Amino acid sequence: MIKQYEAIYKNGQLQWIYPPPVAIENRRVMVSLADEEDEPKSVDITVLLSQTRGSLGHRMTMEEIDRDVSNMRDEWTRKWDLS
């Protein structure tokens, strides 16, 4: 089974981004290189949260959620008049 690990190649060495794999001495490895534009960008969590604020609309109460679910179920079980 092939497992993937991320590292940065620098000065002839692999610098593991996450904890390194265990027991890799004398094992065959395959290397694939990511394009520079594929590199992950750092994210400012404060900016991200401010950009998404309000995207879910107003908070609903349990009663409102139950009522909406009940209405949706009624629509699915309703007999349609197709004449």
PDB file of N, CA and C in Angstrom:
ATOM      1  N   MET A   1       0.847  -1.172   0.000  1.00  0.00           N
ATOM      2  CA  MET A   1       0.000   0.000   0.000  1.00  0.00           C
ATOM      3  C   MET A   1       0.894   1.237   0.000  1.00  0.00           C
ATOM      4  N   ILE A   2       0.540   2.223  -0.794  1.00  0.00           N
ATOM      5  CA  ILE A   2       1.307   3.461  -0.865  1.00  0.00           C
ATOM      6  C   ILE A   2       0.714   4.457   0.125  1.00  0.00           C
ATOM      7  N   LYS A   3       1.566   5.053   0.931  1.00  0.00           N
ATOM      8  CA  LYS A   3       1.153   6.097   1.859  1.00  0.00           C
ATOM      9  C   LYS A   3       1.829   7.388   1.442  1.00  0.00           C
ATOM     10  N   GLN A   4       1.149   8.499   1.620  1.00  0.00           N
ATOM     11  CA  GLN A   4       1.692   9.789   1.220  1.00  0.00           C
ATOM     12  C   GLN A   4       2.061  10.616   2.437  1.00  0.00           C
ATOM     13  N   TYR A   5       3.202  11.284   2.330  1.00  0.00           N
ATOM     14  CA  TYR A   5       3.686  12.175   3.372  1.00  0.00           C
ATOM     15  C   TYR A   5       4.168  13.444   2.681  1.00  0.00           C
ATOM     16  N   GLU A   6       4.054  14.577   3.340  1.00  0.00           N
ATOM     17  CA  GLU A   6       4.504  15.828   2.745  1.00  0.00           C
ATOM     18  C   GLU A   6       5.814  16.263   3.369  1.00  0.00           C
ATOM     19  N   ALA A   7       6.710  16.728   2.492  1.00  0.00           N
ATOM     20  CA  ALA A   7       8.004  17.228   2.944  1.00  0.00           C
ATOM     21  C   ALA A   7       8.454  18.310   1.983  1.00  0.00           C
ATOM     22  N   ILE A   8       9.416  19.088   2.407  1.00  0.00           N
ATOM     23  CA  ILE A   8      10.050  20.089   1.557  1.00  0.00           C
ATOM     24  C   ILE A   8      11.493  19.649   1.358  1.00  0.00           C
ATOM     25  N   TYR A   9      11.907  19.610   0.110  1.00  0.00           N
ATOM     26  CA  TYR A   9      13.274  19.220  -0.218  1.00  0.00           C
ATOM     27  C   TYR A   9      14.137  20.473  -0.154  1.00  0.00           C
ATOM     28  N   LYS A  10      15.135  20.479   0.717  1.00  0.00           N
ATOM     29  CA  LYS A  10      15.981  21.650   0.886  1.00  0.00           C
ATOM     30  C   LYS A  10      17.405  21.191   1.181  1.00  0.00           C
ATOM     31  N   ASN A  11      18.334  21.646   0.364  1.00  0.00           N
ATOM     32  CA  ASN A  11      19.754  21.316   0.544  1.00  0.00           C
ATOM     33  C   ASN A  11      19.997  19.816   0.625  1.00  0.00           C
ATOM     34  N   GLY A  12      19.333  19.058  -0.252  1.00  0.00           N
ATOM     35  CA  GLY A  12      19.554  17.620  -0.294  1.00  0.00           C
ATOM     36  C   GLY A  12      18.892  16.827   0.812  1.00  0.00           C
ATOM     37  N   GLN A  13      18.066  17.476   1.595  1.00  0.00           N
ATOM     38  CA  GLN A  13      17.390  16.808   2.714  1.00  0.00           C
ATOM     39  C   GLN A  13      15.874  16.988   2.586  1.00  0.00           C
ATOM     40  N   LEU A  14      15.129  16.024   3.099  1.00  0.00           N
ATOM     41  CA  LEU A  14      13.677  16.174   3.194  1.00  0.00           C
ATOM     42  C   LEU A  14      13.344  16.700   4.575  1.00  0.00           C
ATOM     43  N   GLN A  15      12.631  17.809   4.617  1.00  0.00           N
ATOM     44  CA  GLN A  15      12.161  18.363   5.888  1.00  0.00           C
ATOM     45  C   GLN A  15      10.670  18.066   5.969  1.00  0.00           C
ATOM     46  N   TRP A  16      10.302  17.166   6.865  1.00  0.00           N
ATOM     47  CA  TRP A  16       8.914  16.707   6.963  1.00  0.00           C
ATOM     48  C   TRP A  16       8.040  17.824   7.485  1.00  0.00           C
ATOM     49  N   ILE A  17       6.881  17.993   6.843  1.00  0.00           N
ATOM     50  CA  ILE A  17       5.935  19.027   7.263  1.00  0.00           C
ATOM     51  C   ILE A  17       5.163  18.549   8.484  1.00  0.00           C
ATOM     52  N   TYR A  18       4.780  17.313   8.490  1.00  0.00           N
ATOM     53  CA  TYR A  18       4.064  16.707   9.611  1.00  0.00           C
ATOM     54  C   TYR A  18       4.992  15.671  10.228  1.00  0.00           C
ATOM     55  N   PRO A  19       4.588  14.979  11.251  1.00  0.00           N
ATOM     56  CA  PRO A  19       5.484  13.958  11.806  1.00  0.00           C
ATOM     57  C   PRO A  19       5.951  13.010  10.704  1.00  0.00           C
ATOM     58  N   PRO A  20       7.237  12.691  10.685  1.00  0.00           N
ATOM     59  CA  PRO A  20       7.768  11.856   9.618  1.00  0.00           C
ATOM     60  C   PRO A  20       7.255  10.429   9.710  1.00  0.00           C
ATOM     61  N   PRO A  21       7.260   9.732   8.586  1.00  0.00           N
ATOM     62  CA  PRO A  21       6.855   8.322   8.622  1.00  0.00           C
ATOM     63  C   PRO A  21       7.863   7.519   9.453  1.00  0.00           C
ATOM     64  N   VAL A  22       7.401   6.456  10.030  1.00  0.00           N
ATOM     65  CA  VAL A  22       8.294   5.620  10.844  1.00  0.00           C
ATOM     66  C   VAL A  22       8.876   4.507   9.972  1.00  0.00           C
ATOM     67  N   ALA A  23      10.042   4.074  10.324  1.00  0.00           N
ATOM     68  CA  ALA A  23      10.697   2.918   9.689  1.00  0.00           C
ATOM     69  C   ALA A  23      10.798   3.063   8.175  1.00  0.00           C
ATOM     70  N   ILE A  24      11.480   4.124   7.712  1.00  0.00           N
ATOM     71  CA  ILE A  24      11.628   4.285   6.266  1.00  0.00           C
ATOM     72  C   ILE A  24      13.059   4.026   5.786  1.00  0.00           C
ATOM     73  N   GLU A  25      13.967   3.700   6.688  1.00  0.00           N
ATOM     74  CA  GLU A  25      15.342   3.408   6.282  1.00  0.00           C
ATOM     75  C   GLU A  25      15.366   2.249   5.290  1.00  0.00           C
ATOM     76  N   ASN A  26      16.157   2.402   4.248  1.00  0.00           N
ATOM     77  CA  ASN A  26      16.373   1.369   3.234  1.00  0.00           C
ATOM     78  C   ASN A  26      15.087   0.938   2.529  1.00  0.00           C
ATOM     79  N   ARG A  27      14.167   1.856   2.367  1.00  0.00           N
ATOM     80  CA  ARG A  27      12.930   1.549   1.641  1.00  0.00           C
ATOM     81  C   ARG A  27      12.879   2.391   0.388  1.00  0.00           C
ATOM     82  N   ARG A  28      12.226   1.861  -0.610  1.00  0.00           N
ATOM     83  CA  ARG A  28      12.054   2.572  -1.867  1.00  0.00           C
ATOM     84  C   ARG A  28      11.020   3.676  -1.665  1.00  0.00           C
ATOM     85  N   VAL A  29      11.276   4.851  -2.236  1.00  0.00           N
ATOM     86  CA  VAL A  29      10.330   5.959  -2.154  1.00  0.00           C
ATOM     87  C   VAL A  29      10.052   6.474  -3.562  1.00  0.00           C
ATOM     88  N   MET A  30       8.889   7.061  -3.752  1.00  0.00           N
ATOM     89  CA  MET A  30       8.534   7.720  -5.003  1.00  0.00           C
ATOM     90  C   MET A  30       8.326   9.189  -4.678  1.00  0.00           C
ATOM     91  N   VAL A  31       8.801  10.048  -5.549  1.00  0.00           N
ATOM     92  CA  VAL A  31       8.714  11.479  -5.302  1.00  0.00           C
ATOM     93  C   VAL A  31       7.904  12.123  -6.413  1.00  0.00           C
ATOM     94  N   SER A  32       6.961  12.965  -6.039  1.00  0.00           N
ATOM     95  CA  SER A  32       6.242  13.785  -7.013  1.00  0.00           C
ATOM     96  C   SER A  32       6.346  15.232  -6.539  1.00  0.00           C
ATOM     97  N   LEU A  33       6.501  16.125  -7.472  1.00  0.00           N
ATOM     98  CA  LEU A  33       6.690  17.532  -7.134  1.00  0.00           C
ATOM     99  C   LEU A  33       5.421  18.312  -7.414  1.00  0.00           C
ATOM    100  N   ALA A  34       5.044  19.169  -6.479  1.00  0.00           N
ATOM    101  CA  ALA A  34       3.886  20.039  -6.662  1.00  0.00           C
ATOM    102  C   ALA A  34       4.333  21.309  -7.378  1.00  0.00           C
ATOM    103  N   ASP A  35       3.516  21.807  -8.300  1.00  0.00           N
ATOM    104  CA  ASP A  35       3.814  23.086  -8.931  1.00  0.00           C
ATOM    105  C   ASP A  35       3.775  24.175  -7.878  1.00  0.00           C
ATOM    106  N   GLU A  36       4.496  25.247  -8.121  1.00  0.00           N
ATOM    107  CA  GLU A  36       4.548  26.320  -7.131  1.00  0.00           C
ATOM    108  C   GLU A  36       3.165  26.907  -6.858  1.00  0.00           C
ATOM    109  N   GLU A  37       2.325  26.996  -7.895  1.00  0.00           N
ATOM    110  CA  GLU A  37       0.993  27.566  -7.658  1.00  0.00           C
ATOM    111  C   GLU A  37       0.102  26.624  -6.854  1.00  0.00           C
ATOM    112  N   ASP A  38       0.496  25.357  -6.740  1.00  0.00           N
ATOM    113  CA  ASP A  38      -0.266  24.401  -5.940  1.00  0.00           C
ATOM    114  C   ASP A  38       0.108  24.445  -4.460  1.00  0.00           C
ATOM    115  N   GLU A  39       1.127  25.209  -4.129  1.00  0.00           N
ATOM    116  CA  GLU A  39       1.564  25.271  -2.739  1.00  0.00           C
ATOM    117  C   GLU A  39       0.469  25.897  -1.876  1.00  0.00           C
ATOM    118  N   PRO A  40       0.218  25.334  -0.702  1.00  0.00           N
ATOM    119  CA  PRO A  40      -0.817  25.900   0.161  1.00  0.00           C
ATOM    120  C   PRO A  40      -0.447  27.300   0.629  1.00  0.00           C
ATOM    121  N   LYS A  41      -1.414  28.165   0.626  1.00  0.00           N
ATOM    122  CA  LYS A  41      -1.224  29.538   1.091  1.00  0.00           C
ATOM    123  C   LYS A  41      -1.596  29.613   2.567  1.00  0.00           C
ATOM    124  N   SER A  42      -0.887  30.422   3.306  1.00  0.00           N
ATOM    125  CA  SER A  42      -1.249  30.583   4.709  1.00  0.00           C
ATOM    126  C   SER A  42      -2.556  31.376   4.783  1.00  0.00           C
ATOM    127  N   VAL A  43      -3.370  31.042   5.746  1.00  0.00           N
ATOM    128  CA  VAL A  43      -4.684  31.657   5.888  1.00  0.00           C
ATOM    129  C   VAL A  43      -4.734  32.397   7.215  1.00  0.00           C
ATOM    130  N   ASP A  44      -5.180  33.639   7.161  1.00  0.00           N
ATOM    131  CA  ASP A  44      -5.400  34.408   8.380  1.00  0.00           C
ATOM    132  C   ASP A  44      -6.813  34.079   8.851  1.00  0.00           C
ATOM    133  N   ILE A  45      -6.901  33.331   9.928  1.00  0.00           N
ATOM    134  CA  ILE A  45      -8.213  32.856  10.401  1.00  0.00           C
ATOM    135  C   ILE A  45      -9.143  34.001  10.760  1.00  0.00           C
ATOM    136  N   THR A  46      -8.603  35.109  11.245  1.00  0.00           N
ATOM    137  CA  THR A  46      -9.443  36.269  11.584  1.00  0.00           C
ATOM    138  C   THR A  46     -10.102  36.827  10.337  1.00  0.00           C
ATOM    139  N   VAL A  47      -9.341  36.941   9.251  1.00  0.00           N
ATOM    140  CA  VAL A  47      -9.891  37.439   7.987  1.00  0.00           C
ATOM    141  C   VAL A  47     -10.924  36.455   7.452  1.00  0.00           C
ATOM    142  N   LEU A  48     -10.614  35.162   7.496  1.00  0.00           N
ATOM    143  CA  LEU A  48     -11.542  34.150   7.011  1.00  0.00           C
ATOM    144  C   LEU A  48     -12.871  34.206   7.755  1.00  0.00           C
ATOM    145  N   LEU A  49     -12.815  34.301   9.075  1.00  0.00           N
ATOM    146  CA  LEU A  49     -14.047  34.362   9.859  1.00  0.00           C
ATOM    147  C   LEU A  49     -14.836  35.635   9.578  1.00  0.00           C
ATOM    148  N   SER A  50     -14.152  36.748   9.405  1.00  0.00           N
ATOM    149  CA  SER A  50     -14.875  37.999   9.124  1.00  0.00           C
ATOM    150  C   SER A  50     -15.523  37.951   7.746  1.00  0.00           C
ATOM    151  N   GLN A  51     -14.889  37.260   6.784  1.00  0.00           N
ATOM    152  CA  GLN A  51     -15.473  37.142   5.446  1.00  0.00           C
ATOM    153  C   GLN A  51     -16.694  36.237   5.425  1.00  0.00           C
ATOM    154  N   THR A  52     -16.764  35.275   6.315  1.00  0.00           N
ATOM    155  CA  THR A  52     -17.880  34.329   6.309  1.00  0.00           C
ATOM    156  C   THR A  52     -18.970  34.681   7.312  1.00  0.00           C
ATOM    157  N   ARG A  53     -18.749  35.700   8.118  1.00  0.00           N
ATOM    158  CA  ARG A  53     -19.738  36.083   9.128  1.00  0.00           C
ATOM    159  C   ARG A  53     -21.090  36.361   8.485  1.00  0.00           C
ATOM    160  N   GLY A  54     -22.117  35.750   9.005  1.00  0.00           N
ATOM    161  CA  GLY A  54     -23.469  35.961   8.524  1.00  0.00           C
ATOM    162  C   GLY A  54     -23.846  35.098   7.332  1.00  0.00           C
ATOM    163  N   SER A  55     -22.931  34.264   6.849  1.00  0.00           N
ATOM    164  CA  SER A  55     -23.243  33.468   5.664  1.00  0.00           C
ATOM    165  C   SER A  55     -24.299  32.400   5.930  1.00  0.00           C
ATOM    166  N   LEU A  56     -24.465  32.021   7.178  1.00  0.00           N
ATOM    167  CA  LEU A  56     -25.471  31.016   7.497  1.00  0.00           C
ATOM    168  C   LEU A  56     -26.825  31.625   7.833  1.00  0.00           C
ATOM    169  N   GLY A  57     -26.919  32.944   7.790  1.00  0.00           N
ATOM    170  CA  GLY A  57     -28.182  33.589   8.106  1.00  0.00           C
ATOM    171  C   GLY A  57     -28.418  33.615   9.604  1.00  0.00           C
ATOM    172  N   HIS A  58     -29.672  33.825   9.968  1.00  0.00           N
ATOM    173  CA  HIS A  58     -29.966  33.892  11.396  1.00  0.00           C
ATOM    174  C   HIS A  58     -30.056  32.493  11.990  1.00  0.00           C
ATOM    175  N   ARG A  59     -29.802  32.399  13.260  1.00  0.00           N
ATOM    176  CA  ARG A  59     -29.898  31.106  13.949  1.00  0.00           C
ATOM    177  C   ARG A  59     -31.355  30.738  14.147  1.00  0.00           C
ATOM    178  N   MET A  60     -31.644  29.479  13.969  1.00  0.00           N
ATOM    179  CA  MET A  60     -33.014  29.002  14.125  1.00  0.00           C
ATOM    180  C   MET A  60     -33.151  28.290  15.464  1.00  0.00           C
ATOM    181  N   THR A  61     -34.340  28.376  16.028  1.00  0.00           N
ATOM    182  CA  THR A  61     -34.624  27.638  17.257  1.00  0.00           C
ATOM    183  C   THR A  61     -34.966  26.201  16.878  1.00  0.00           C
ATOM    184  N   MET A  62     -34.940  25.318  17.859  1.00  0.00           N
ATOM    185  CA  MET A  62     -35.309  23.922  17.602  1.00  0.00           C
ATOM    186  C   MET A  62     -36.743  23.819  17.096  1.00  0.00           C
ATOM    187  N   GLU A  63     -37.616  24.667  17.612  1.00  0.00           N
ATOM    188  CA  GLU A  63     -39.011  24.648  17.168  1.00  0.00           C
ATOM    189  C   GLU A  63     -39.119  25.028  15.690  1.00  0.00           C
ATOM    190  N   GLU A  64     -38.334  26.031  15.258  1.00  0.00           N
ATOM    191  CA  GLU A  64     -38.360  26.444  13.854  1.00  0.00           C
ATOM    192  C   GLU A  64     -37.813  25.329  12.955  1.00  0.00           C
ATOM    193  N   ILE A  65     -36.769  24.676  13.409  1.00  0.00           N
ATOM    194  CA  ILE A  65     -36.195  23.576  12.632  1.00  0.00           C
ATOM    195  C   ILE A  65     -37.191  22.431  12.523  1.00  0.00           C
ATOM    196  N   ASP A  66     -37.816  22.064  13.638  1.00  0.00           N
ATOM    197  CA  ASP A  66     -38.821  20.993  13.626  1.00  0.00           C
ATOM    198  C   ASP A  66     -39.973  21.328  12.690  1.00  0.00           C
ATOM    199  N   ARG A  67     -40.424  22.576  12.709  1.00  0.00           N
ATOM    200  CA  ARG A  67     -41.526  22.995  11.850  1.00  0.00           C
ATOM    201  C   ARG A  67     -41.115  22.896  10.379  1.00  0.00           C
ATOM    202  N   ASP A  68     -39.893  23.338  10.044  1.00  0.00           N
ATOM    203  CA  ASP A  68     -39.423  23.257   8.659  1.00  0.00           C
ATOM    204  C   ASP A  68     -39.309  21.807   8.190  1.00  0.00           C
ATOM    205  N   VAL A  69     -38.777  20.943   9.029  1.00  0.00           N
ATOM    206  CA  VAL A  69     -38.646  19.531   8.681  1.00  0.00           C
ATOM    207  C   VAL A  69     -40.025  18.914   8.473  1.00  0.00           C
ATOM    208  N   SER A  70     -40.951  19.245   9.351  1.00  0.00           N
ATOM    209  CA  SER A  70     -42.315  18.724   9.225  1.00  0.00           C
ATOM    210  C   SER A  70     -42.954  19.195   7.910  1.00  0.00           C
ATOM    211  N   ASN A  71     -42.751  20.468   7.564  1.00  0.00           N
ATOM    212  CA  ASN A  71     -43.296  20.995   6.303  1.00  0.00           C
ATOM    213  C   ASN A  71     -42.687  20.292   5.100  1.00  0.00           C
ATOM    214  N   MET A  72     -41.385  20.037   5.152  1.00  0.00           N
ATOM    215  CA  MET A  72     -40.732  19.326   4.038  1.00  0.00           C
ATOM    216  C   MET A  72     -41.267  17.910   3.901  1.00  0.00           C
ATOM    217  N   ARG A  73     -41.463  17.229   5.028  1.00  0.00           N
ATOM    218  CA  ARG A  73     -42.011  15.862   4.975  1.00  0.00           C
ATOM    219  C   ARG A  73     -43.426  15.878   4.414  1.00  0.00           C
ATOM    220  N   ASP A  74     -44.224  16.867   4.804  1.00  0.00           N
ATOM    221  CA  ASP A  74     -45.584  16.976   4.283  1.00  0.00           C
ATOM    222  C   ASP A  74     -45.579  17.158   2.764  1.00  0.00           C
ATOM    223  N   GLU A  75     -44.625  17.948   2.262  1.00  0.00           N
ATOM    224  CA  GLU A  75     -44.540  18.152   0.812  1.00  0.00           C
ATOM    225  C   GLU A  75     -44.211  16.849   0.087  1.00  0.00           C
ATOM    226  N   TRP A  76     -43.346  16.021   0.670  1.00  0.00           N
ATOM    227  CA  TRP A  76     -42.968  14.768   0.027  1.00  0.00           C
ATOM    228  C   TRP A  76     -44.087  13.733   0.060  1.00  0.00           C
ATOM    229  N   THR A  77     -44.905  13.763   1.083  1.00  0.00           N
ATOM    230  CA  THR A  77     -45.956  12.765   1.217  1.00  0.00           C
ATOM    231  C   THR A  77     -47.300  13.241   0.665  1.00  0.00           C
ATOM    232  N   ARG A  78     -47.366  14.481   0.252  1.00  0.00           N
ATOM    233  CA  ARG A  78     -48.612  15.059  -0.253  1.00  0.00           C
ATOM    234  C   ARG A  78     -49.004  14.392  -1.556  1.00  0.00           C
ATOM    235  N   LYS A  79     -50.293  14.148  -1.741  1.00  0.00           N
ATOM    236  CA  LYS A  79     -50.814  13.612  -2.985  1.00  0.00           C
ATOM    237  C   LYS A  79     -50.988  14.776  -3.960  1.00  0.00           C
ATOM    238  N   TRP A  80     -50.314  14.676  -5.090  1.00  0.00           N
ATOM    239  CA  TRP A  80     -50.365  15.751  -6.065  1.00  0.00           C
ATOM    240  C   TRP A  80     -51.549  15.565  -7.010  1.00  0.00           C
ATOM    241  N   ASP A  81     -52.237  16.630  -7.304  1.00  0.00           N
ATOM    242  CA  ASP A  81     -53.331  16.618  -8.260  1.00  0.00           C
ATOM    243  C   ASP A  81     -52.768  16.935  -9.644  1.00  0.00           C
ATOM    244  N   LEU A  82     -52.566  15.903 -10.463  1.00  0.00           N
ATOM    245  CA  LEU A  82     -51.933  16.087 -11.763  1.00  0.00           C
ATOM    246  C   LEU A  82     -52.941  16.168 -12.898  1.00  0.00           C
ATOM    247  N   SER A  83     -54.212  16.312 -12.599  1.00  0.00           N
ATOM    248  CA  SER A  83     -55.205  16.370 -13.677  1.00  0.00           C
ATOM    249  C   SER A  83     -55.350  17.742 -14.265  1.00  0.00           C
TER     250      SER A  83
END
